Amino acid sequence: MLKQRVITALVLIAILLPALFASVAWPFAVLSLVMIAAAGWEWGRLNGAGAGAMVLGALVAAACAVALWLGWTVAPPRLAWWLAFCVWVLGGVFVLRGGPAAWPGVPALVRCLVGAALLFVAWLALASARNLGVNFILSVFCLVWAADIAAYFGGKAFGKRKLAPGISPGKSWEGVWSGMLGALALAALWLWLDTAFKMDSVSLYTQLYNRFGVIGLIGIVVFLAAMSVVGDLFESLVKRAAGAKDSSGLLPGHGGVLDRIDALLPVFPIAMALITI
């Protein structure tokens, strides 16, 4: 299992890094389009689409391709970020409160279409973030990764109070607080990196600091770390409702694409919304 995980991770890195660091933004947009289309297929499978799961994946891919052709990754419609913001914050809280038992009560068509829309906006945010620069998109990626890693080790060391035992029994409140501290430590480090080295673009943290000051930066980083947890819990809820351990077996040793990007889905659109204020 470990060997599979390592091999898959190395293959993904070998594909992702050249696209991410290419001199133009479109290779990353196309690569992430393929991945988000696969996530659309997985979402359909988890939500009772059956044979229609392939159609849902194709629909997501087509929507992303049209947006790329229209130039939305360069000049995105800001309303999309704020709609996603509202859906993730308000809808996320509503769905998580209902738990896995309530999710199948939502009509399958509604579940599929809402999921497809959220995946599309997440892809648009990813592609738009890459257009802003490698330093910017990496600063958002690393916020989610730092929060996840710090939450894992903090939960292992201090975890006592379960966060959502009916959805993800392994998560604790202590892990959440640790994740937030990890994200704040990363933000402080990145602010220094932005001033110490010549970057291709301004990071998320410097943009937030320039707009909202230290207190605003702290509050927003904590909020984004919390939303990464919401994304993770939301996918766990959907899998539990479907009786599935992983979203698919597309990534040997890692599960599916959704399993790898769930925490990113709310964070990127929300980050893009906040830097437009």
C-alpha atoms as a PDB file:
ATOM      1  CA  MET A   1       0.000   0.000   0.000  1.00  0.00           C
ATOM      2  CA  LEU A   2       2.792   2.408   0.931  1.00  0.00           C
ATOM      3  CA  LYS A   3       4.677   1.545  -2.262  1.00  0.00           C
ATOM      4  CA  GLN A   4       1.546   2.299  -4.304  1.00  0.00           C
ATOM      5  CA  ARG A   5       1.071   5.633  -2.539  1.00  0.00           C
ATOM      6  CA  VAL A   6       4.669   6.675  -3.154  1.00  0.00           C
ATOM      7  CA  ILE A   7       4.636   5.673  -6.842  1.00  0.00           C
ATOM      8  CA  THR A   8       1.331   7.452  -7.465  1.00  0.00           C
ATOM      9  CA  ALA A   9       2.560  10.568  -5.654  1.00  0.00           C
ATOM     10  CA  LEU A  10       5.773  10.649  -7.705  1.00  0.00           C
ATOM     11  CA  VAL A  11       3.848  10.276 -10.966  1.00  0.00           C
ATOM     12  CA  LEU A  12       1.453  13.073  -9.983  1.00  0.00           C
ATOM     13  CA  ILE A  13       4.339  15.354  -9.031  1.00  0.00           C
ATOM     14  CA  ALA A  14       6.100  14.614 -12.327  1.00  0.00           C
ATOM     15  CA  ILE A  15       2.949  15.646 -14.212  1.00  0.00           C
ATOM     16  CA  LEU A  16       1.903  18.569 -12.008  1.00  0.00           C
ATOM     17  CA  LEU A  17       5.164  20.468 -11.555  1.00  0.00           C
ATOM     18  CA  PRO A  18       5.972  21.063 -15.253  1.00  0.00           C
ATOM     19  CA  ALA A  19       2.401  22.283 -15.824  1.00  0.00           C
ATOM     20  CA  LEU A  20       2.476  24.509 -12.756  1.00  0.00           C
ATOM     21  CA  PHE A  21       5.853  26.093 -13.520  1.00  0.00           C
ATOM     22  CA  ALA A  22       5.361  26.420 -17.280  1.00  0.00           C
ATOM     23  CA  SER A  23       6.010  29.892 -18.692  1.00  0.00           C
ATOM     24  CA  VAL A  24       2.338  30.124 -19.695  1.00  0.00           C
ATOM     25  CA  ALA A  25      -0.738  29.317 -17.626  1.00  0.00           C
ATOM     26  CA  TRP A  26      -2.744  27.144 -20.019  1.00  0.00           C
ATOM     27  CA  PRO A  27      -0.948  23.782 -19.359  1.00  0.00           C
ATOM     28  CA  PHE A  28      -1.977  23.930 -15.709  1.00  0.00           C
ATOM     29  CA  ALA A  29      -5.515  24.960 -16.687  1.00  0.00           C
ATOM     30  CA  VAL A  30      -5.811  21.964 -19.028  1.00  0.00           C
ATOM     31  CA  LEU A  31      -4.310  19.510 -16.538  1.00  0.00           C
ATOM     32  CA  SER A  32      -6.570  20.708 -13.727  1.00  0.00           C
ATOM     33  CA  LEU A  33      -9.528  20.549 -16.152  1.00  0.00           C
ATOM     34  CA  VAL A  34      -8.877  16.836 -16.692  1.00  0.00           C
ATOM     35  CA  MET A  35      -8.637  16.254 -12.947  1.00  0.00           C
ATOM     36  CA  ILE A  36     -11.789  18.214 -12.145  1.00  0.00           C
ATOM     37  CA  ALA A  37     -13.669  16.286 -14.858  1.00  0.00           C
ATOM     38  CA  ALA A  38     -12.581  13.054 -13.162  1.00  0.00           C
ATOM     39  CA  ALA A  39     -13.822  14.496  -9.869  1.00  0.00           C
ATOM     40  CA  GLY A  40     -17.157  15.211 -11.578  1.00  0.00           C
ATOM     41  CA  TRP A  41     -17.414  11.565 -12.587  1.00  0.00           C
ATOM     42  CA  GLU A  42     -16.632  10.507  -9.023  1.00  0.00           C
ATOM     43  CA  TRP A  43     -19.239  12.918  -7.661  1.00  0.00           C
ATOM     44  CA  GLY A  44     -21.868  11.417  -9.950  1.00  0.00           C
ATOM     45  CA  ARG A  45     -21.018   7.888  -8.805  1.00  0.00           C
ATOM     46  CA  LEU A  46     -21.258   8.875  -5.148  1.00  0.00           C
ATOM     47  CA  ASN A  47     -24.619  10.566  -5.679  1.00  0.00           C
ATOM     48  CA  GLY A  48     -26.587   7.927  -7.511  1.00  0.00           C
ATOM     49  CA  ALA A  49     -26.029   9.059 -11.092  1.00  0.00           C
ATOM     50  CA  GLY A  50     -25.160   5.539 -12.242  1.00  0.00           C
ATOM     51  CA  ALA A  51     -24.258   5.536 -15.933  1.00  0.00           C
ATOM     52  CA  GLY A  52     -24.924   9.278 -15.916  1.00  0.00           C
ATOM     53  CA  ALA A  53     -21.736   9.816 -13.885  1.00  0.00           C
ATOM     54  CA  MET A  54     -19.740   9.880 -17.117  1.00  0.00           C
ATOM     55  CA  VAL A  55     -22.140  12.485 -18.484  1.00  0.00           C
ATOM     56  CA  LEU A  56     -21.671  14.605 -15.369  1.00  0.00           C
ATOM     57  CA  GLY A  57     -17.883  14.433 -15.723  1.00  0.00           C
ATOM     58  CA  ALA A  58     -18.182  15.418 -19.378  1.00  0.00           C
ATOM     59  CA  LEU A  59     -20.502  18.299 -18.440  1.00  0.00           C
ATOM     60  CA  VAL A  60     -17.958  19.639 -15.957  1.00  0.00           C
ATOM     61  CA  ALA A  61     -15.172  19.302 -18.536  1.00  0.00           C
ATOM     62  CA  ALA A  62     -17.250  21.068 -21.206  1.00  0.00           C
ATOM     63  CA  ALA A  63     -18.111  23.954 -18.865  1.00  0.00           C
ATOM     64  CA  CYS A  64     -14.431  24.397 -17.970  1.00  0.00           C
ATOM     65  CA  ALA A  65     -13.365  24.231 -21.624  1.00  0.00           C
ATOM     66  CA  VAL A  66     -15.907  26.904 -22.593  1.00  0.00           C
ATOM     67  CA  ALA A  67     -14.741  29.134 -19.742  1.00  0.00           C
ATOM     68  CA  LEU A  68     -11.136  28.694 -20.855  1.00  0.00           C
ATOM     69  CA  TRP A  69     -12.079  29.568 -24.448  1.00  0.00           C
ATOM     70  CA  LEU A  70     -13.998  32.656 -23.291  1.00  0.00           C
ATOM     71  CA  GLY A  71     -10.976  33.892 -21.351  1.00  0.00           C
ATOM     72  CA  TRP A  72     -12.620  33.638 -17.943  1.00  0.00           C
ATOM     73  CA  THR A  73      -9.413  32.348 -16.359  1.00  0.00           C
ATOM     74  CA  VAL A  74      -7.807  35.702 -17.174  1.00  0.00           C
ATOM     75  CA  ALA A  75     -10.824  37.908 -16.458  1.00  0.00           C
ATOM     76  CA  PRO A  76     -13.102  35.756 -14.260  1.00  0.00           C
ATOM     77  CA  PRO A  77     -16.642  36.787 -13.282  1.00  0.00           C
ATOM     78  CA  ARG A  78     -16.229  37.831  -9.654  1.00  0.00           C
ATOM     79  CA  LEU A  79     -19.835  36.974  -8.899  1.00  0.00           C
ATOM     80  CA  ALA A  80     -18.868  33.299  -9.211  1.00  0.00           C
ATOM     81  CA  TRP A  81     -16.504  33.624  -6.238  1.00  0.00           C
ATOM     82  CA  TRP A  82     -19.140  35.218  -4.039  1.00  0.00           C
ATOM     83  CA  LEU A  83     -21.821  32.702  -4.995  1.00  0.00           C
ATOM     84  CA  ALA A  84     -19.421  29.894  -4.104  1.00  0.00           C
ATOM     85  CA  PHE A  85     -18.593  31.723  -0.864  1.00  0.00           C
ATOM     86  CA  CYS A  86     -22.262  31.754   0.151  1.00  0.00           C
ATOM     87  CA  VAL A  87     -22.900  28.163  -0.889  1.00  0.00           C
ATOM     88  CA  TRP A  88     -19.897  26.817   1.003  1.00  0.00           C
ATOM     89  CA  VAL A  89     -20.418  28.866   4.167  1.00  0.00           C
ATOM     90  CA  LEU A  90     -24.206  28.656   4.475  1.00  0.00           C
ATOM     91  CA  GLY A  91     -24.848  25.423   2.586  1.00  0.00           C
ATOM     92  CA  GLY A  92     -21.863  23.710   4.136  1.00  0.00           C
ATOM     93  CA  VAL A  93     -23.067  24.396   7.659  1.00  0.00           C
ATOM     94  CA  PHE A  94     -26.601  23.262   6.753  1.00  0.00           C
ATOM     95  CA  VAL A  95     -25.446  19.999   5.148  1.00  0.00           C
ATOM     96  CA  LEU A  96     -22.977  19.113   7.912  1.00  0.00           C
ATOM     97  CA  ARG A  97     -25.640  19.693  10.564  1.00  0.00           C
ATOM     98  CA  GLY A  98     -27.934  17.254   8.753  1.00  0.00           C
ATOM     99  CA  GLY A  99     -25.266  14.577   8.666  1.00  0.00           C
ATOM    100  CA  PRO A 100     -24.919  11.560   6.334  1.00  0.00           C
ATOM    101  CA  ALA A 101     -28.478  10.385   7.009  1.00  0.00           C
ATOM    102  CA  ALA A 102     -30.042  13.564   5.612  1.00  0.00           C
ATOM    103  CA  TRP A 103     -27.921  13.816   2.454  1.00  0.00           C
ATOM    104  CA  PRO A 104     -29.704  11.076   0.427  1.00  0.00           C
ATOM    105  CA  GLY A 105     -32.971  12.933   1.072  1.00  0.00           C
ATOM    106  CA  VAL A 106     -31.840  15.666  -1.318  1.00  0.00           C
ATOM    107  CA  PRO A 107     -32.942  14.761  -4.886  1.00  0.00           C
ATOM    108  CA  ALA A 108     -30.100  13.089  -6.792  1.00  0.00           C
ATOM    109  CA  LEU A 109     -30.364  15.562  -9.677  1.00  0.00           C
ATOM    110  CA  VAL A 110     -29.951  18.505  -7.287  1.00  0.00           C
ATOM    111  CA  ARG A 111     -26.963  16.865  -5.600  1.00  0.00           C
ATOM    112  CA  CYS A 112     -25.304  16.170  -8.933  1.00  0.00           C
ATOM    113  CA  LEU A 113     -25.863  19.646 -10.363  1.00  0.00           C
ATOM    114  CA  VAL A 114     -24.767  21.472  -7.209  1.00  0.00           C
ATOM    115  CA  GLY A 115     -21.644  19.338  -7.067  1.00  0.00           C
ATOM    116  CA  ALA A 116     -20.898  19.984 -10.749  1.00  0.00           C
ATOM    117  CA  ALA A 117     -21.299  23.733 -10.212  1.00  0.00           C
ATOM    118  CA  LEU A 118     -18.977  23.742  -7.184  1.00  0.00           C
ATOM    119  CA  LEU A 119     -16.363  21.736  -9.083  1.00  0.00           C
ATOM    120  CA  PHE A 120     -16.556  24.120 -12.030  1.00  0.00           C
ATOM    121  CA  VAL A 121     -16.095  27.218  -9.842  1.00  0.00           C
ATOM    122  CA  ALA A 122     -13.237  25.517  -7.978  1.00  0.00           C
ATOM    123  CA  TRP A 123     -11.502  24.810 -11.303  1.00  0.00           C
ATOM    124  CA  LEU A 124     -12.092  28.393 -12.438  1.00  0.00           C
ATOM    125  CA  ALA A 125     -10.544  29.641  -9.197  1.00  0.00           C
ATOM    126  CA  LEU A 126      -7.539  27.320  -9.601  1.00  0.00           C
ATOM    127  CA  ALA A 127      -6.917  28.398 -13.191  1.00  0.00           C
ATOM    128  CA  SER A 128      -7.418  32.079 -12.323  1.00  0.00           C
ATOM    129  CA  ALA A 129      -5.041  31.783  -9.366  1.00  0.00           C
ATOM    130  CA  ARG A 130      -2.367  30.339 -11.672  1.00  0.00           C
ATOM    131  CA  ASN A 131      -2.826  33.334 -13.960  1.00  0.00           C
ATOM    132  CA  LEU A 132      -2.050  35.585 -11.000  1.00  0.00           C
ATOM    133  CA  GLY A 133       1.307  33.829 -10.604  1.00  0.00           C
ATOM    134  CA  VAL A 134       3.033  30.723  -9.282  1.00  0.00           C
ATOM    135  CA  ASN A 135       3.812  32.341  -5.924  1.00  0.00           C
ATOM    136  CA  PHE A 136       0.157  33.223  -5.435  1.00  0.00           C
ATOM    137  CA  ILE A 137      -1.293  29.819  -6.275  1.00  0.00           C
ATOM    138  CA  LEU A 138       1.355  28.017  -4.220  1.00  0.00           C
ATOM    139  CA  SER A 139       0.563  30.198  -1.212  1.00  0.00           C
ATOM    140  CA  VAL A 140      -3.065  29.013  -1.349  1.00  0.00           C
ATOM    141  CA  PHE A 141      -2.155  25.366  -1.936  1.00  0.00           C
ATOM    142  CA  CYS A 142       0.290  25.429   0.950  1.00  0.00           C
ATOM    143  CA  LEU A 143      -2.242  27.002   3.314  1.00  0.00           C
ATOM    144  CA  VAL A 144      -4.470  23.946   2.877  1.00  0.00           C
ATOM    145  CA  TRP A 145      -1.561  21.509   3.097  1.00  0.00           C
ATOM    146  CA  ALA A 146      -0.066  23.196   6.174  1.00  0.00           C
ATOM    147  CA  ALA A 147      -3.430  23.199   7.929  1.00  0.00           C
ATOM    148  CA  ASP A 148      -3.956  19.529   7.095  1.00  0.00           C
ATOM    149  CA  ILE A 149      -0.503  18.427   8.235  1.00  0.00           C
ATOM    150  CA  ALA A 150      -0.642  20.469  11.449  1.00  0.00           C
ATOM    151  CA  ALA A 151      -4.165  19.169  12.152  1.00  0.00           C
ATOM    152  CA  TYR A 152      -2.995  15.577  11.705  1.00  0.00           C
ATOM    153  CA  PHE A 153      -0.078  15.851  14.099  1.00  0.00           C
ATOM    154  CA  GLY A 154      -1.947  18.104  16.539  1.00  0.00           C
ATOM    155  CA  GLY A 155      -4.867  15.684  16.580  1.00  0.00           C
ATOM    156  CA  LYS A 156      -2.543  12.731  17.154  1.00  0.00           C
ATOM    157  CA  ALA A 157      -0.781  14.480  20.033  1.00  0.00           C
ATOM    158  CA  PHE A 158      -3.638  16.329  21.728  1.00  0.00           C
ATOM    159  CA  GLY A 159      -6.911  15.127  20.211  1.00  0.00           C
ATOM    160  CA  LYS A 160      -9.584  14.373  22.800  1.00  0.00           C
ATOM    161  CA  ARG A 161     -12.833  16.055  21.731  1.00  0.00           C
ATOM    162  CA  LYS A 162     -14.300  14.628  18.536  1.00  0.00           C
ATOM    163  CA  LEU A 163     -15.186  17.190  15.868  1.00  0.00           C
ATOM    164  CA  ALA A 164     -17.812  15.241  13.893  1.00  0.00           C
ATOM    165  CA  PRO A 165     -17.885  11.599  15.015  1.00  0.00           C
ATOM    166  CA  GLY A 166     -20.815  10.757  12.740  1.00  0.00           C
ATOM    167  CA  ILE A 167     -18.946  11.995   9.665  1.00  0.00           C
ATOM    168  CA  SER A 168     -15.205  11.630  10.274  1.00  0.00           C
ATOM    169  CA  PRO A 169     -14.434   9.939  13.620  1.00  0.00           C
ATOM    170  CA  GLY A 170     -10.709  10.625  13.392  1.00  0.00           C
ATOM    171  CA  LYS A 171     -10.993  14.409  13.464  1.00  0.00           C
ATOM    172  CA  SER A 172     -10.819  16.371  16.718  1.00  0.00           C
ATOM    173  CA  TRP A 173     -11.265  19.984  17.764  1.00  0.00           C
ATOM    174  CA  GLU A 174      -7.662  20.005  18.948  1.00  0.00           C
ATOM    175  CA  GLY A 175      -6.643  18.999  15.426  1.00  0.00           C
ATOM    176  CA  VAL A 176      -8.645  21.902  13.991  1.00  0.00           C
ATOM    177  CA  TRP A 177      -6.964  24.414  16.306  1.00  0.00           C
ATOM    178  CA  SER A 178      -3.560  22.940  15.448  1.00  0.00           C
ATOM    179  CA  GLY A 179      -4.352  23.277  11.750  1.00  0.00           C
ATOM    180  CA  MET A 180      -5.228  26.934  12.194  1.00  0.00           C
ATOM    181  CA  LEU A 181      -1.969  27.579  14.055  1.00  0.00           C
ATOM    182  CA  GLY A 182      -0.055  25.796  11.301  1.00  0.00           C
ATOM    183  CA  ALA A 183      -1.701  27.987   8.658  1.00  0.00           C
ATOM    184  CA  LEU A 184      -0.861  31.138  10.643  1.00  0.00           C
ATOM    185  CA  ALA A 185       2.771  30.056  11.001  1.00  0.00           C
ATOM    186  CA  LEU A 186       2.919  29.515   7.247  1.00  0.00           C
ATOM    187  CA  ALA A 187       1.404  32.959   6.611  1.00  0.00           C
ATOM    188  CA  ALA A 188       4.065  34.613   8.774  1.00  0.00           C
ATOM    189  CA  LEU A 189       6.826  32.716   6.968  1.00  0.00           C
ATOM    190  CA  TRP A 190       5.431  33.591   3.531  1.00  0.00           C
ATOM    191  CA  LEU A 191       5.189  37.286   4.372  1.00  0.00           C
ATOM    192  CA  TRP A 192       8.905  37.189   5.093  1.00  0.00           C
ATOM    193  CA  LEU A 193       9.635  35.250   1.891  1.00  0.00           C
ATOM    194  CA  ASP A 194       7.761  37.845  -0.170  1.00  0.00           C
ATOM    195  CA  THR A 195      10.031  40.592   1.168  1.00  0.00           C
ATOM    196  CA  ALA A 196      13.273  38.591   1.245  1.00  0.00           C
ATOM    197  CA  PHE A 197      13.103  37.145  -2.272  1.00  0.00           C
ATOM    198  CA  LYS A 198      11.992  38.341  -5.674  1.00  0.00           C
ATOM    199  CA  MET A 199       8.814  36.411  -6.511  1.00  0.00           C
ATOM    200  CA  ASP A 200       6.892  36.261  -9.773  1.00  0.00           C
ATOM    201  CA  SER A 201       3.741  37.479  -8.002  1.00  0.00           C
ATOM    202  CA  VAL A 202       2.364  38.626  -4.656  1.00  0.00           C
ATOM    203  CA  SER A 203       1.242  35.836  -2.357  1.00  0.00           C
ATOM    204  CA  LEU A 204      -2.235  35.524  -0.870  1.00  0.00           C
ATOM    205  CA  TYR A 205      -0.858  36.534   2.534  1.00  0.00           C
ATOM    206  CA  THR A 206       0.777  39.744   1.356  1.00  0.00           C
ATOM    207  CA  GLN A 207      -2.378  40.706  -0.526  1.00  0.00           C
ATOM    208  CA  LEU A 208      -4.510  40.114   2.570  1.00  0.00           C
ATOM    209  CA  TYR A 209      -2.035  41.982   4.792  1.00  0.00           C
ATOM    210  CA  ASN A 210      -2.007  44.978   2.441  1.00  0.00           C
ATOM    211  CA  ARG A 211      -5.809  45.076   2.323  1.00  0.00           C
ATOM    212  CA  PHE A 212      -6.811  44.208   5.886  1.00  0.00           C
ATOM    213  CA  GLY A 213      -3.750  44.574   8.112  1.00  0.00           C
ATOM    214  CA  VAL A 214      -2.433  42.064  10.647  1.00  0.00           C
ATOM    215  CA  ILE A 215      -5.755  41.431  12.426  1.00  0.00           C
ATOM    216  CA  GLY A 216      -7.596  40.950   9.147  1.00  0.00           C
ATOM    217  CA  LEU A 217      -4.895  38.603   7.856  1.00  0.00           C
ATOM    218  CA  ILE A 218      -5.091  36.471  11.006  1.00  0.00           C
ATOM    219  CA  GLY A 219      -8.876  36.280  10.884  1.00  0.00           C
ATOM    220  CA  ILE A 220      -8.998  35.369   7.190  1.00  0.00           C
ATOM    221  CA  VAL A 221      -6.262  32.727   7.405  1.00  0.00           C
ATOM    222  CA  VAL A 222      -8.074  31.103  10.341  1.00  0.00           C
ATOM    223  CA  PHE A 223     -11.317  31.253   8.371  1.00  0.00           C
ATOM    224  CA  LEU A 224      -9.738  29.672   5.272  1.00  0.00           C
ATOM    225  CA  ALA A 225      -8.235  26.898   7.394  1.00  0.00           C
ATOM    226  CA  ALA A 226     -11.699  26.281   8.853  1.00  0.00           C
ATOM    227  CA  MET A 227     -13.219  26.141   5.356  1.00  0.00           C
ATOM    228  CA  SER A 228     -10.647  23.543   4.327  1.00  0.00           C
ATOM    229  CA  VAL A 229     -12.039  21.393   7.144  1.00  0.00           C
ATOM    230  CA  VAL A 230     -15.582  22.008   5.854  1.00  0.00           C
ATOM    231  CA  GLY A 231     -14.539  20.792   2.390  1.00  0.00           C
ATOM    232  CA  ASP A 232     -12.948  17.682   3.873  1.00  0.00           C
ATOM    233  CA  LEU A 233     -15.954  16.919   6.076  1.00  0.00           C
ATOM    234  CA  PHE A 234     -18.398  17.520   3.235  1.00  0.00           C
ATOM    235  CA  GLU A 235     -16.745  14.908   1.035  1.00  0.00           C
ATOM    236  CA  SER A 236     -16.513  12.489   3.985  1.00  0.00           C
ATOM    237  CA  LEU A 237     -20.252  12.974   4.586  1.00  0.00           C
ATOM    238  CA  VAL A 238     -21.081  12.208   0.945  1.00  0.00           C
ATOM    239  CA  LYS A 239     -18.891   9.088   0.969  1.00  0.00           C
ATOM    240  CA  ARG A 240     -20.403   7.886   4.233  1.00  0.00           C
ATOM    241  CA  ALA A 241     -23.913   8.430   2.865  1.00  0.00           C
ATOM    242  CA  ALA A 242     -22.961   6.395  -0.211  1.00  0.00           C
ATOM    243  CA  GLY A 243     -21.264   3.681   1.847  1.00  0.00           C
ATOM    244  CA  ALA A 244     -17.941   4.280   0.083  1.00  0.00           C
ATOM    245  CA  LYS A 245     -14.448   4.366   1.593  1.00  0.00           C
ATOM    246  CA  ASP A 246     -12.906   6.337  -1.296  1.00  0.00           C
ATOM    247  CA  SER A 247     -14.384   8.485  -4.037  1.00  0.00           C
ATOM    248  CA  SER A 248     -12.869   6.056  -6.595  1.00  0.00           C
ATOM    249  CA  GLY A 249      -9.721   4.041  -7.268  1.00  0.00           C
ATOM    250  CA  LEU A 250      -8.289   6.382  -9.898  1.00  0.00           C
ATOM    251  CA  LEU A 251      -5.208   7.167  -7.791  1.00  0.00           C
ATOM    252  CA  PRO A 252      -3.800   3.853  -6.486  1.00  0.00           C
ATOM    253  CA  GLY A 253      -3.001   4.082  -2.809  1.00  0.00           C
ATOM    254  CA  HIS A 254      -4.695   7.484  -2.519  1.00  0.00           C
ATOM    255  CA  GLY A 255      -8.315   6.776  -3.487  1.00  0.00           C
ATOM    256  CA  GLY A 256      -9.860   9.207  -5.948  1.00  0.00           C
ATOM    257  CA  VAL A 257      -9.336  12.748  -7.155  1.00  0.00           C
ATOM    258  CA  LEU A 258     -12.005  14.093  -4.794  1.00  0.00           C
ATOM    259  CA  ASP A 259     -10.164  12.507  -1.880  1.00  0.00           C
ATOM    260  CA  ARG A 260      -7.122  14.629  -2.744  1.00  0.00           C
ATOM    261  CA  ILE A 261      -8.793  17.947  -3.565  1.00  0.00           C
ATOM    262  CA  ASP A 262     -11.793  18.068  -1.180  1.00  0.00           C
ATOM    263  CA  ALA A 263     -10.208  20.637   1.167  1.00  0.00           C
ATOM    264  CA  LEU A 264      -9.171  22.818  -1.788  1.00  0.00           C
ATOM    265  CA  LEU A 265     -12.668  23.114  -3.245  1.00  0.00           C
ATOM    266  CA  PRO A 266     -14.005  25.831  -0.896  1.00  0.00           C
ATOM    267  CA  VAL A 267     -10.664  27.522  -0.178  1.00  0.00           C
ATOM    268  CA  PHE A 268      -9.712  28.627  -3.684  1.00  0.00           C
ATOM    269  CA  PRO A 269     -12.999  30.377  -4.616  1.00  0.00           C
ATOM    270  CA  ILE A 270     -13.227  32.005  -1.182  1.00  0.00           C
ATOM    271  CA  ALA A 271      -9.614  33.204  -1.367  1.00  0.00           C
ATOM    272  CA  MET A 272     -10.295  34.654  -4.817  1.00  0.00           C
ATOM    273  CA  ALA A 273     -13.405  36.398  -3.474  1.00  0.00           C
ATOM    274  CA  LEU A 274     -11.547  37.961  -0.564  1.00  0.00           C
ATOM    275  CA  ILE A 275      -8.717  39.424  -2.658  1.00  0.00           C
ATOM    276  CA  THR A 276     -11.302  41.208  -4.808  1.00  0.00           C
ATOM    277  CA  ILE A 277     -12.560  43.310  -1.896  1.00  0.00           C
END
